[in-house]
C-alpha atoms as a PDB file:
ATOM      1  CA  UNK A   1      12.899 -43.825  48.177  1.00  0.00           C
ATOM      2  CA  UNK A   2      10.213 -45.784  50.041  1.00  0.00           C
ATOM      3  CA  UNK A   3       7.556 -43.428  48.674  1.00  0.00           C
ATOM      4  CA  UNK A   4       8.897 -43.860  45.130  1.00  0.00           C
ATOM      5  CA  UNK A   5       8.807 -47.632  45.515  1.00  0.00           C
ATOM      6  CA  UNK A   6       5.269 -47.423  46.804  1.00  0.00           C
ATOM      7  CA  UNK A   7       4.240 -45.335  43.800  1.00  0.00           C
ATOM      8  CA  UNK A   8       5.975 -47.777  41.494  1.00  0.00           C
ATOM      9  CA  UNK A   9       4.157 -50.734  43.051  1.00  0.00           C
ATOM     10  CA  UNK A  10       0.862 -48.927  42.823  1.00  0.00           C
ATOM     11  CA  UNK A  11       1.487 -48.181  39.163  1.00  0.00           C
ATOM     12  CA  UNK A  12       2.305 -51.788  38.446  1.00  0.00           C
ATOM     13  CA  UNK A  13      -0.848 -52.953  40.143  1.00  0.00           C
ATOM     14  CA  UNK A  14      -3.104 -50.642  38.123  1.00  0.00           C
ATOM     15  CA  UNK A  15      -4.490 -51.399  34.703  1.00  0.00           C
ATOM     16  CA  UNK A  16      -2.274 -49.641  32.166  1.00  0.00           C
ATOM     17  CA  UNK A  17      -5.136 -49.374  29.654  1.00  0.00           C
ATOM     18  CA  UNK A  18      -7.226 -47.201  31.961  1.00  0.00           C
ATOM     19  CA  UNK A  19      -6.579 -43.435  31.614  1.00  0.00           C
ATOM     20  CA  UNK A  20      -6.884 -41.646  34.913  1.00  0.00           C
ATOM     21  CA  UNK A  21      -8.162 -38.099  35.333  1.00  0.00           C
ATOM     22  CA  UNK A  22      -5.343 -35.674  34.477  1.00  0.00           C
ATOM     23  CA  UNK A  23      -3.209 -38.133  32.487  1.00  0.00           C
ATOM     24  CA  UNK A  24      -3.976 -36.319  29.238  1.00  0.00           C
ATOM     25  CA  UNK A  25      -2.748 -32.957  30.538  1.00  0.00           C
ATOM     26  CA  UNK A  26       0.734 -33.458  29.059  1.00  0.00           C
ATOM     27  CA  UNK A  27      -0.639 -34.227  25.602  1.00  0.00           C
ATOM     28  CA  UNK A  28      -3.528 -31.760  25.813  1.00  0.00           C
ATOM     29  CA  UNK A  29      -2.183 -29.459  23.056  1.00  0.00           C
ATOM     30  CA  UNK A  30      -2.444 -32.423  20.674  1.00  0.00           C
ATOM     31  CA  UNK A  31      -5.683 -33.883  21.982  1.00  0.00           C
ATOM     32  CA  UNK A  32      -8.717 -33.952  19.717  1.00  0.00           C
ATOM     33  CA  UNK A  33     -12.320 -34.559  20.729  1.00  0.00           C
ATOM     34  CA  UNK A  34     -13.133 -36.031  17.330  1.00  0.00           C
ATOM     35  CA  UNK A  35     -12.170 -39.635  16.569  1.00  0.00           C
ATOM     36  CA  UNK A  36     -10.849 -38.779  13.090  1.00  0.00           C
ATOM     37  CA  UNK A  37      -7.394 -38.393  11.595  1.00  0.00           C
ATOM     38  CA  UNK A  38      -8.359 -34.962  10.276  1.00  0.00           C
ATOM     39  CA  UNK A  39      -7.099 -33.572  13.580  1.00  0.00           C
ATOM     40  CA  UNK A  40      -3.552 -34.435  12.485  1.00  0.00           C
ATOM     41  CA  UNK A  41      -3.936 -32.287   9.367  1.00  0.00           C
ATOM     42  CA  UNK A  42      -5.318 -29.479  11.522  1.00  0.00           C
ATOM     43  CA  UNK A  43      -2.264 -29.645  13.799  1.00  0.00           C
ATOM     44  CA  UNK A  44       0.097 -29.565  10.808  1.00  0.00           C
ATOM     45  CA  UNK A  45      -1.688 -26.537   9.329  1.00  0.00           C
ATOM     46  CA  UNK A  46      -1.556 -24.661  12.631  1.00  0.00           C
ATOM     47  CA  UNK A  47       2.075 -25.628  13.174  1.00  0.00           C
ATOM     48  CA  UNK A  48       3.144 -24.477   9.713  1.00  0.00           C
ATOM     49  CA  UNK A  49       1.307 -21.181  10.144  1.00  0.00           C
ATOM     50  CA  UNK A  50       2.981 -20.574  13.529  1.00  0.00           C
ATOM     51  CA  UNK A  51       6.393 -21.537  12.118  1.00  0.00           C
ATOM     52  CA  UNK A  52       6.116 -19.247   9.083  1.00  0.00           C
ATOM     53  CA  UNK A  53       4.820 -16.385  11.262  1.00  0.00           C
ATOM     54  CA  UNK A  54       7.827 -16.764  13.562  1.00  0.00           C
ATOM     55  CA  UNK A  55      10.259 -16.851  10.643  1.00  0.00           C
ATOM     56  CA  UNK A  56       8.827 -13.729   9.030  1.00  0.00           C
ATOM     57  CA  UNK A  57       8.958 -11.871  12.350  1.00  0.00           C
ATOM     58  CA  UNK A  58      12.649 -12.777  12.654  1.00  0.00           C
ATOM     59  CA  UNK A  59      13.272 -11.423   9.150  1.00  0.00           C
ATOM     60  CA  UNK A  60      11.438  -8.191   9.906  1.00  0.00           C
ATOM     61  CA  UNK A  61      13.284  -7.700  13.181  1.00  0.00           C
ATOM     62  CA  UNK A  62      16.646  -8.429  11.544  1.00  0.00           C
ATOM     63  CA  UNK A  63      16.095  -5.838   8.812  1.00  0.00           C
ATOM     64  CA  UNK A  64      14.786  -3.211  11.236  1.00  0.00           C
ATOM     65  CA  UNK A  65      17.786  -3.765  13.496  1.00  0.00           C
ATOM     66  CA  UNK A  66      20.264  -3.435  10.613  1.00  0.00           C
ATOM     67  CA  UNK A  67      18.740  -0.180   9.378  1.00  0.00           C
ATOM     68  CA  UNK A  68      18.415   1.175  12.928  1.00  0.00           C
ATOM     69  CA  UNK A  69      22.034   0.281  13.664  1.00  0.00           C
ATOM     70  CA  UNK A  70      23.188   2.444  10.768  1.00  0.00           C
ATOM     71  CA  UNK A  71      20.840   5.291  11.736  1.00  0.00           C
ATOM     72  CA  UNK A  72      21.914   5.222  15.376  1.00  0.00           C
ATOM     73  CA  UNK A  73      25.636   5.075  14.637  1.00  0.00           C
ATOM     74  CA  UNK A  74      26.719   6.791  11.419  1.00  0.00           C
ATOM     75  CA  UNK A  75      23.755   9.138  10.992  1.00  0.00           C
ATOM     76  CA  UNK A  76      23.690   9.938  14.704  1.00  0.00           C
ATOM     77  CA  UNK A  77      27.167  11.411  14.394  1.00  0.00           C
ATOM     78  CA  UNK A  78      25.819  13.655  11.607  1.00  0.00           C
ATOM     79  CA  UNK A  79      23.260  15.060  14.024  1.00  0.00           C
ATOM     80  CA  UNK A  80      20.256  13.025  12.843  1.00  0.00           C
ATOM     81  CA  UNK A  81      17.682  12.960  15.635  1.00  0.00           C
ATOM     82  CA  UNK A  82      13.962  12.215  15.727  1.00  0.00           C
ATOM     83  CA  UNK A  83      11.315  14.160  17.612  1.00  0.00           C
ATOM     84  CA  UNK A  84       9.113  12.742  20.353  1.00  0.00           C
ATOM     85  CA  UNK A  85       6.055  12.732  18.121  1.00  0.00           C
ATOM     86  CA  UNK A  86       7.964  10.983  15.337  1.00  0.00           C
ATOM     87  CA  UNK A  87       9.258   8.247  17.644  1.00  0.00           C
ATOM     88  CA  UNK A  88       5.809   7.758  19.183  1.00  0.00           C
ATOM     89  CA  UNK A  89       4.070   7.426  15.820  1.00  0.00           C
ATOM     90  CA  UNK A  90       6.711   5.066  14.420  1.00  0.00           C
ATOM     91  CA  UNK A  91       6.684   2.845  17.529  1.00  0.00           C
ATOM     92  CA  UNK A  92       2.882   2.635  17.606  1.00  0.00           C
ATOM     93  CA  UNK A  93       2.782   1.755  13.918  1.00  0.00           C
ATOM     94  CA  UNK A  94       5.297  -1.088  14.346  1.00  0.00           C
ATOM     95  CA  UNK A  95       3.387  -2.379  17.372  1.00  0.00           C
ATOM     96  CA  UNK A  96       0.124  -2.536  15.449  1.00  0.00           C
ATOM     97  CA  UNK A  97       1.836  -4.164  12.447  1.00  0.00           C
ATOM     98  CA  UNK A  98       3.188  -6.982  14.606  1.00  0.00           C
ATOM     99  CA  UNK A  99      -0.175  -7.392  16.333  1.00  0.00           C
ATOM    100  CA  UNK A 100      -2.002  -7.748  13.018  1.00  0.00           C
ATOM    101  CA  UNK A 101       0.596 -10.256  11.769  1.00  0.00           C
ATOM    102  CA  UNK A 102       0.042 -12.400  14.867  1.00  0.00           C
ATOM    103  CA  UNK A 103      -3.680 -12.627  13.996  1.00  0.00           C
ATOM    104  CA  UNK A 104      -2.983 -14.469  10.733  1.00  0.00           C
ATOM    105  CA  UNK A 105      -4.734 -17.816  10.411  1.00  0.00           C
ATOM    106  CA  UNK A 106      -3.752 -20.916   8.390  1.00  0.00           C
ATOM    107  CA  UNK A 107      -5.439 -21.873   5.146  1.00  0.00           C
ATOM    108  CA  UNK A 108      -8.197 -24.478   5.183  1.00  0.00           C
ATOM    109  CA  UNK A 109      -6.314 -26.715   2.718  1.00  0.00           C
ATOM    110  CA  UNK A 110      -2.938 -28.236   3.516  1.00  0.00           C
ATOM    111  CA  UNK A 111      -0.315 -27.303   0.924  1.00  0.00           C
ATOM    112  CA  UNK A 112       2.098 -29.791  -0.628  1.00  0.00           C
ATOM    113  CA  UNK A 113       4.870 -27.204  -0.299  1.00  0.00           C
ATOM    114  CA  UNK A 114       6.861 -27.421   2.934  1.00  0.00           C
ATOM    115  CA  UNK A 115       8.130 -24.475   5.001  1.00  0.00           C
ATOM    116  CA  UNK A 116      11.864 -24.200   5.737  1.00  0.00           C
ATOM    117  CA  UNK A 117      13.031 -26.610   8.415  1.00  0.00           C
ATOM    118  CA  UNK A 118      15.490 -24.101   9.859  1.00  0.00           C
ATOM    119  CA  UNK A 119      15.727 -20.345  10.147  1.00  0.00           C
ATOM    120  CA  UNK A 120      19.357 -20.265   9.031  1.00  0.00           C
ATOM    121  CA  UNK A 121      19.212 -21.248   5.373  1.00  0.00           C
ATOM    122  CA  UNK A 122      20.219 -19.800   2.021  1.00  0.00           C
ATOM    123  CA  UNK A 123      16.808 -18.243   1.408  1.00  0.00           C
ATOM    124  CA  UNK A 124      16.854 -16.392   4.750  1.00  0.00           C
ATOM    125  CA  UNK A 125      20.269 -14.817   4.213  1.00  0.00           C
ATOM    126  CA  UNK A 126      19.540 -14.043   0.546  1.00  0.00           C
ATOM    127  CA  UNK A 127      16.350 -12.190   1.484  1.00  0.00           C
ATOM    128  CA  UNK A 128      17.942 -10.309   4.373  1.00  0.00           C
ATOM    129  CA  UNK A 129      21.077  -9.223   2.479  1.00  0.00           C
ATOM    130  CA  UNK A 130      19.200  -8.284  -0.679  1.00  0.00           C
ATOM    131  CA  UNK A 131      16.570  -6.214   1.085  1.00  0.00           C
ATOM    132  CA  UNK A 132      19.188  -4.570   3.284  1.00  0.00           C
ATOM    133  CA  UNK A 133      21.168  -3.591   0.176  1.00  0.00           C
ATOM    134  CA  UNK A 134      18.064  -2.005  -1.369  1.00  0.00           C
ATOM    135  CA  UNK A 135      17.297  -0.147   1.873  1.00  0.00           C
ATOM    136  CA  UNK A 136      20.853   1.114   2.230  1.00  0.00           C
ATOM    137  CA  UNK A 137      20.960   2.359  -1.364  1.00  0.00           C
ATOM    138  CA  UNK A 138      17.705   4.256  -0.803  1.00  0.00           C
ATOM    139  CA  UNK A 139      18.806   5.641   2.567  1.00  0.00           C
ATOM    140  CA  UNK A 140      22.240   6.776   1.381  1.00  0.00           C
ATOM    141  CA  UNK A 141      20.717   8.381  -1.714  1.00  0.00           C
ATOM    142  CA  UNK A 142      18.173  10.274   0.397  1.00  0.00           C
ATOM    143  CA  UNK A 143      20.884  11.442   2.808  1.00  0.00           C
ATOM    144  CA  UNK A 144      23.070  12.668  -0.059  1.00  0.00           C
ATOM    145  CA  UNK A 145      20.123  14.685  -1.381  1.00  0.00           C
ATOM    146  CA  UNK A 146      19.340  16.197   2.024  1.00  0.00           C
ATOM    147  CA  UNK A 147      22.860  17.143   3.177  1.00  0.00           C
ATOM    148  CA  UNK A 148      23.301  20.169   0.845  1.00  0.00           C
ATOM    149  CA  UNK A 149      20.071  21.668   2.252  1.00  0.00           C
ATOM    150  CA  UNK A 150      20.989  21.149   5.921  1.00  0.00           C
ATOM    151  CA  UNK A 151      23.106  23.580   7.955  1.00  0.00           C
ATOM    152  CA  UNK A 152      26.318  22.044   9.262  1.00  0.00           C
ATOM    153  CA  UNK A 153      26.955  24.311  12.252  1.00  0.00           C
ATOM    154  CA  UNK A 154      27.998  22.883  15.596  1.00  0.00           C
ATOM    155  CA  UNK A 155      24.533  23.135  17.133  1.00  0.00           C
ATOM    156  CA  UNK A 156      22.970  21.185  14.272  1.00  0.00           C
ATOM    157  CA  UNK A 157      25.435  18.286  14.163  1.00  0.00           C
ATOM    158  CA  UNK A 158      25.745  17.987  17.940  1.00  0.00           C
ATOM    159  CA  UNK A 159      24.448  14.443  18.714  1.00  0.00           C
ATOM    160  CA  UNK A 160      23.423  15.462  22.227  1.00  0.00           C
ATOM    161  CA  UNK A 161      21.840  18.741  21.194  1.00  0.00           C
ATOM    162  CA  UNK A 162      18.180  19.638  21.248  1.00  0.00           C
ATOM    163  CA  UNK A 163      16.009  18.299  18.443  1.00  0.00           C
ATOM    164  CA  UNK A 164      15.206  20.863  15.783  1.00  0.00           C
ATOM    165  CA  UNK A 165      13.457  19.910  12.540  1.00  0.00           C
ATOM    166  CA  UNK A 166      15.683  20.198   9.485  1.00  0.00           C
ATOM    167  CA  UNK A 167      15.755  18.681   6.030  1.00  0.00           C
ATOM    168  CA  UNK A 168      18.115  15.843   6.964  1.00  0.00           C
ATOM    169  CA  UNK A 169      16.102  14.769  10.023  1.00  0.00           C
ATOM    170  CA  UNK A 170      12.832  14.904   8.101  1.00  0.00           C
ATOM    171  CA  UNK A 171      14.142  12.998   5.088  1.00  0.00           C
ATOM    172  CA  UNK A 172      15.694  10.238   7.221  1.00  0.00           C
ATOM    173  CA  UNK A 173      12.479   9.850   9.246  1.00  0.00           C
ATOM    174  CA  UNK A 174      10.293   9.642   6.140  1.00  0.00           C
ATOM    175  CA  UNK A 175      12.503   7.190   4.249  1.00  0.00           C
ATOM    176  CA  UNK A 176      13.182   4.985   7.300  1.00  0.00           C
ATOM    177  CA  UNK A 177       9.472   4.764   8.172  1.00  0.00           C
ATOM    178  CA  UNK A 178       8.721   3.885   4.557  1.00  0.00           C
ATOM    179  CA  UNK A 179      11.392   1.167   4.807  1.00  0.00           C
ATOM    180  CA  UNK A 180       9.570  -0.277   7.799  1.00  0.00           C
ATOM    181  CA  UNK A 181       6.354  -0.484   5.775  1.00  0.00           C
ATOM    182  CA  UNK A 182       8.264  -2.062   2.870  1.00  0.00           C
ATOM    183  CA  UNK A 183       9.820  -4.614   5.240  1.00  0.00           C
ATOM    184  CA  UNK A 184       6.424  -5.763   6.504  1.00  0.00           C
ATOM    185  CA  UNK A 185       4.920  -5.882   3.024  1.00  0.00           C
ATOM    186  CA  UNK A 186       7.833  -7.783   1.501  1.00  0.00           C
ATOM    187  CA  UNK A 187       8.272 -10.345   4.293  1.00  0.00           C
ATOM    188  CA  UNK A 188       4.641 -11.278   4.867  1.00  0.00           C
ATOM    189  CA  UNK A 189       4.570 -14.901   3.671  1.00  0.00           C
ATOM    190  CA  UNK A 190       0.872 -15.529   2.997  1.00  0.00           C
ATOM    191  CA  UNK A 191      -0.033 -18.449   0.742  1.00  0.00           C
ATOM    192  CA  UNK A 192       0.352 -21.390   0.811  1.00  0.00           C
ATOM    193  CA  UNK A 193       0.701 -21.597   4.621  1.00  0.00           C
ATOM    194  CA  UNK A 194      -1.479 -18.743   5.887  1.00  0.00           C
ATOM    195  CA  UNK A 195      -4.010 -16.203   4.699  1.00  0.00           C
ATOM    196  CA  UNK A 196      -2.725 -13.749   2.119  1.00  0.00           C
ATOM    197  CA  UNK A 197      -2.071 -10.086   2.740  1.00  0.00           C
ATOM    198  CA  UNK A 198      -5.282  -9.234   0.893  1.00  0.00           C
ATOM    199  CA  UNK A 199      -7.234 -11.438   3.314  1.00  0.00           C
ATOM    200  CA  UNK A 200      -5.489  -9.965   6.374  1.00  0.00           C
ATOM    201  CA  UNK A 201      -7.305  -6.677   5.872  1.00  0.00           C
ATOM    202  CA  UNK A 202      -6.257  -5.021   9.139  1.00  0.00           C
ATOM    203  CA  UNK A 203      -2.573  -5.427   8.304  1.00  0.00           C
ATOM    204  CA  UNK A 204      -3.065  -4.422   4.667  1.00  0.00           C
ATOM    205  CA  UNK A 205      -5.055  -1.289   5.459  1.00  0.00           C
ATOM    206  CA  UNK A 206      -2.679  -0.221   8.214  1.00  0.00           C
ATOM    207  CA  UNK A 207       0.377  -0.607   5.941  1.00  0.00           C
ATOM    208  CA  UNK A 208      -1.234   1.166   2.991  1.00  0.00           C
ATOM    209  CA  UNK A 209      -2.622   3.872   5.271  1.00  0.00           C
ATOM    210  CA  UNK A 210       0.803   4.512   6.771  1.00  0.00           C
ATOM    211  CA  UNK A 211       2.406   4.711   3.338  1.00  0.00           C
ATOM    212  CA  UNK A 212      -0.351   7.060   2.168  1.00  0.00           C
ATOM    213  CA  UNK A 213       0.231   9.396   5.127  1.00  0.00           C
ATOM    214  CA  UNK A 214       3.976   9.335   4.441  1.00  0.00           C
ATOM    215  CA  UNK A 215       3.280  10.254   0.824  1.00  0.00           C
ATOM    216  CA  UNK A 216       1.191  13.230   1.930  1.00  0.00           C
ATOM    217  CA  UNK A 217       4.008  14.353   4.229  1.00  0.00           C
ATOM    218  CA  UNK A 218       6.638  14.013   1.501  1.00  0.00           C
ATOM    219  CA  UNK A 219       4.659  15.866  -1.150  1.00  0.00           C
ATOM    220  CA  UNK A 220       3.562  18.525   1.350  1.00  0.00           C
ATOM    221  CA  UNK A 221      -0.118  18.482   0.410  1.00  0.00           C
ATOM    222  CA  UNK A 222      -1.219  18.868   4.068  1.00  0.00           C
ATOM    223  CA  UNK A 223       1.085  21.390   5.831  1.00  0.00           C
ATOM    224  CA  UNK A 224      -0.627  21.000   9.260  1.00  0.00           C
ATOM    225  CA  UNK A 225       0.204  17.260   9.123  1.00  0.00           C
ATOM    226  CA  UNK A 226       3.886  18.055   8.544  1.00  0.00           C
ATOM    227  CA  UNK A 227       3.834  20.474  11.473  1.00  0.00           C
ATOM    228  CA  UNK A 228       2.214  17.832  13.679  1.00  0.00           C
ATOM    229  CA  UNK A 229       4.867  15.288  12.645  1.00  0.00           C
ATOM    230  CA  UNK A 230       7.676  17.784  13.376  1.00  0.00           C
ATOM    231  CA  UNK A 231       8.873  17.781   9.777  1.00  0.00           C
ATOM    232  CA  UNK A 232      10.835  20.582   8.178  1.00  0.00           C
ATOM    233  CA  UNK A 233       9.792  22.184   4.921  1.00  0.00           C
ATOM    234  CA  UNK A 234      11.487  20.336   2.072  1.00  0.00           C
ATOM    235  CA  UNK A 235      13.359  22.528  -0.455  1.00  0.00           C
ATOM    236  CA  UNK A 236      11.239  22.281  -3.615  1.00  0.00           C
ATOM    237  CA  UNK A 237       8.508  20.258  -5.274  1.00  0.00           C
ATOM    238  CA  UNK A 238      11.109  18.550  -7.453  1.00  0.00           C
ATOM    239  CA  UNK A 239      12.994  17.442  -4.341  1.00  0.00           C
ATOM    240  CA  UNK A 240       9.778  16.145  -2.770  1.00  0.00           C
ATOM    241  CA  UNK A 241       8.797  14.290  -5.935  1.00  0.00           C
ATOM    242  CA  UNK A 242      12.249  12.694  -6.179  1.00  0.00           C
ATOM    243  CA  UNK A 243      12.043  11.556  -2.557  1.00  0.00           C
ATOM    244  CA  UNK A 244       8.571  10.127  -3.172  1.00  0.00           C
ATOM    245  CA  UNK A 245       9.855   8.154  -6.187  1.00  0.00           C
ATOM    246  CA  UNK A 246      12.778   6.903  -4.102  1.00  0.00           C
ATOM    247  CA  UNK A 247      10.354   5.607  -1.468  1.00  0.00           C
ATOM    248  CA  UNK A 248       8.385   3.800  -4.189  1.00  0.00           C
ATOM    249  CA  UNK A 249      11.603   2.303  -5.543  1.00  0.00           C
ATOM    250  CA  UNK A 250      12.511   0.988  -2.088  1.00  0.00           C
ATOM    251  CA  UNK A 251       9.018  -0.430  -1.557  1.00  0.00           C
ATOM    252  CA  UNK A 252       8.590  -2.103  -4.945  1.00  0.00           C
ATOM    253  CA  UNK A 253      12.222  -3.234  -5.140  1.00  0.00           C
ATOM    254  CA  UNK A 254      12.056  -4.997  -1.770  1.00  0.00           C
ATOM    255  CA  UNK A 255       8.725  -6.598  -2.638  1.00  0.00           C
ATOM    256  CA  UNK A 256       9.767  -7.905  -6.051  1.00  0.00           C
ATOM    257  CA  UNK A 257      13.168  -9.114  -4.852  1.00  0.00           C
ATOM    258  CA  UNK A 258      11.673 -11.058  -1.937  1.00  0.00           C
ATOM    259  CA  UNK A 259       9.041 -12.727  -4.105  1.00  0.00           C
ATOM    260  CA  UNK A 260      11.734 -13.758  -6.580  1.00  0.00           C
ATOM    261  CA  UNK A 261      13.906 -15.301  -3.841  1.00  0.00           C
ATOM    262  CA  UNK A 262      10.939 -17.133  -2.329  1.00  0.00           C
ATOM    263  CA  UNK A 263      10.090 -18.730  -5.667  1.00  0.00           C
ATOM    264  CA  UNK A 264      13.708 -19.713  -6.278  1.00  0.00           C
ATOM    265  CA  UNK A 265      14.158 -21.453  -2.900  1.00  0.00           C
ATOM    266  CA  UNK A 266      10.652 -22.838  -2.399  1.00  0.00           C
ATOM    267  CA  UNK A 267      10.719 -26.375  -0.957  1.00  0.00           C
ATOM    268  CA  UNK A 268       8.566 -28.384  -3.336  1.00  0.00           C
ATOM    269  CA  UNK A 269       7.261 -31.899  -2.640  1.00  0.00           C
ATOM    270  CA  UNK A 270       9.238 -34.860  -3.915  1.00  0.00           C
ATOM    271  CA  UNK A 271       7.684 -37.016  -6.581  1.00  0.00           C
ATOM    272  CA  UNK A 272       6.839 -40.570  -5.583  1.00  0.00           C
ATOM    273  CA  UNK A 273       8.725 -43.151  -7.602  1.00  0.00           C
END
């Protein structure tokens, strides 16, 4: 207590207007070297970009968790399992997608539109539920197509059995990986708070490249690639073409639905009276 009093007396004796060395450490994230108010706009732009990036990552994680929960529960009981190569490729792709999203930068001009003030709002739940419905329709349709071409013996449907490529496993892997790409494409916010997807070239090329490789695997144009990815031979070209169209439906449907919801619930500036 005596030391605290001594510090208090010393503080009272000093000139309050004089900034000592180290006093600005607490406010250092908001300290500017330039004596202009433009630094405030810069902080707002950076803050909005960080906020929107965090929100879109939450949306992506929520959708991936919902789809994975269904795959790991219901489909797991049907014997759906992924190979080591499939899991490695999918995990690496998601890691790079998140890394490229984190490298997004804010726009040079501050937008009049404001980002959501809270994660839990009508727009968030509308986007999540709508996209999840589209993904589930696509996934259930693909599973219904694959089941008649998959053996249903005890060894195949055993959840703890050894992984063996079959039509059901291959179809679920292809459609679920395509859903991951669709989730990143649909939930990337872009303008007016951060650079657009076209300007974030690393993310754009990685997403399009992944979808292109999935298309090659579905259509079976490169058989060695299917063997490397531990994919079974799909029944016919008509089946492969139908699955490819279903993947496009899931991708374009999620993208268009999300853009529509974002325009409906955009927070526009209030007019000055």
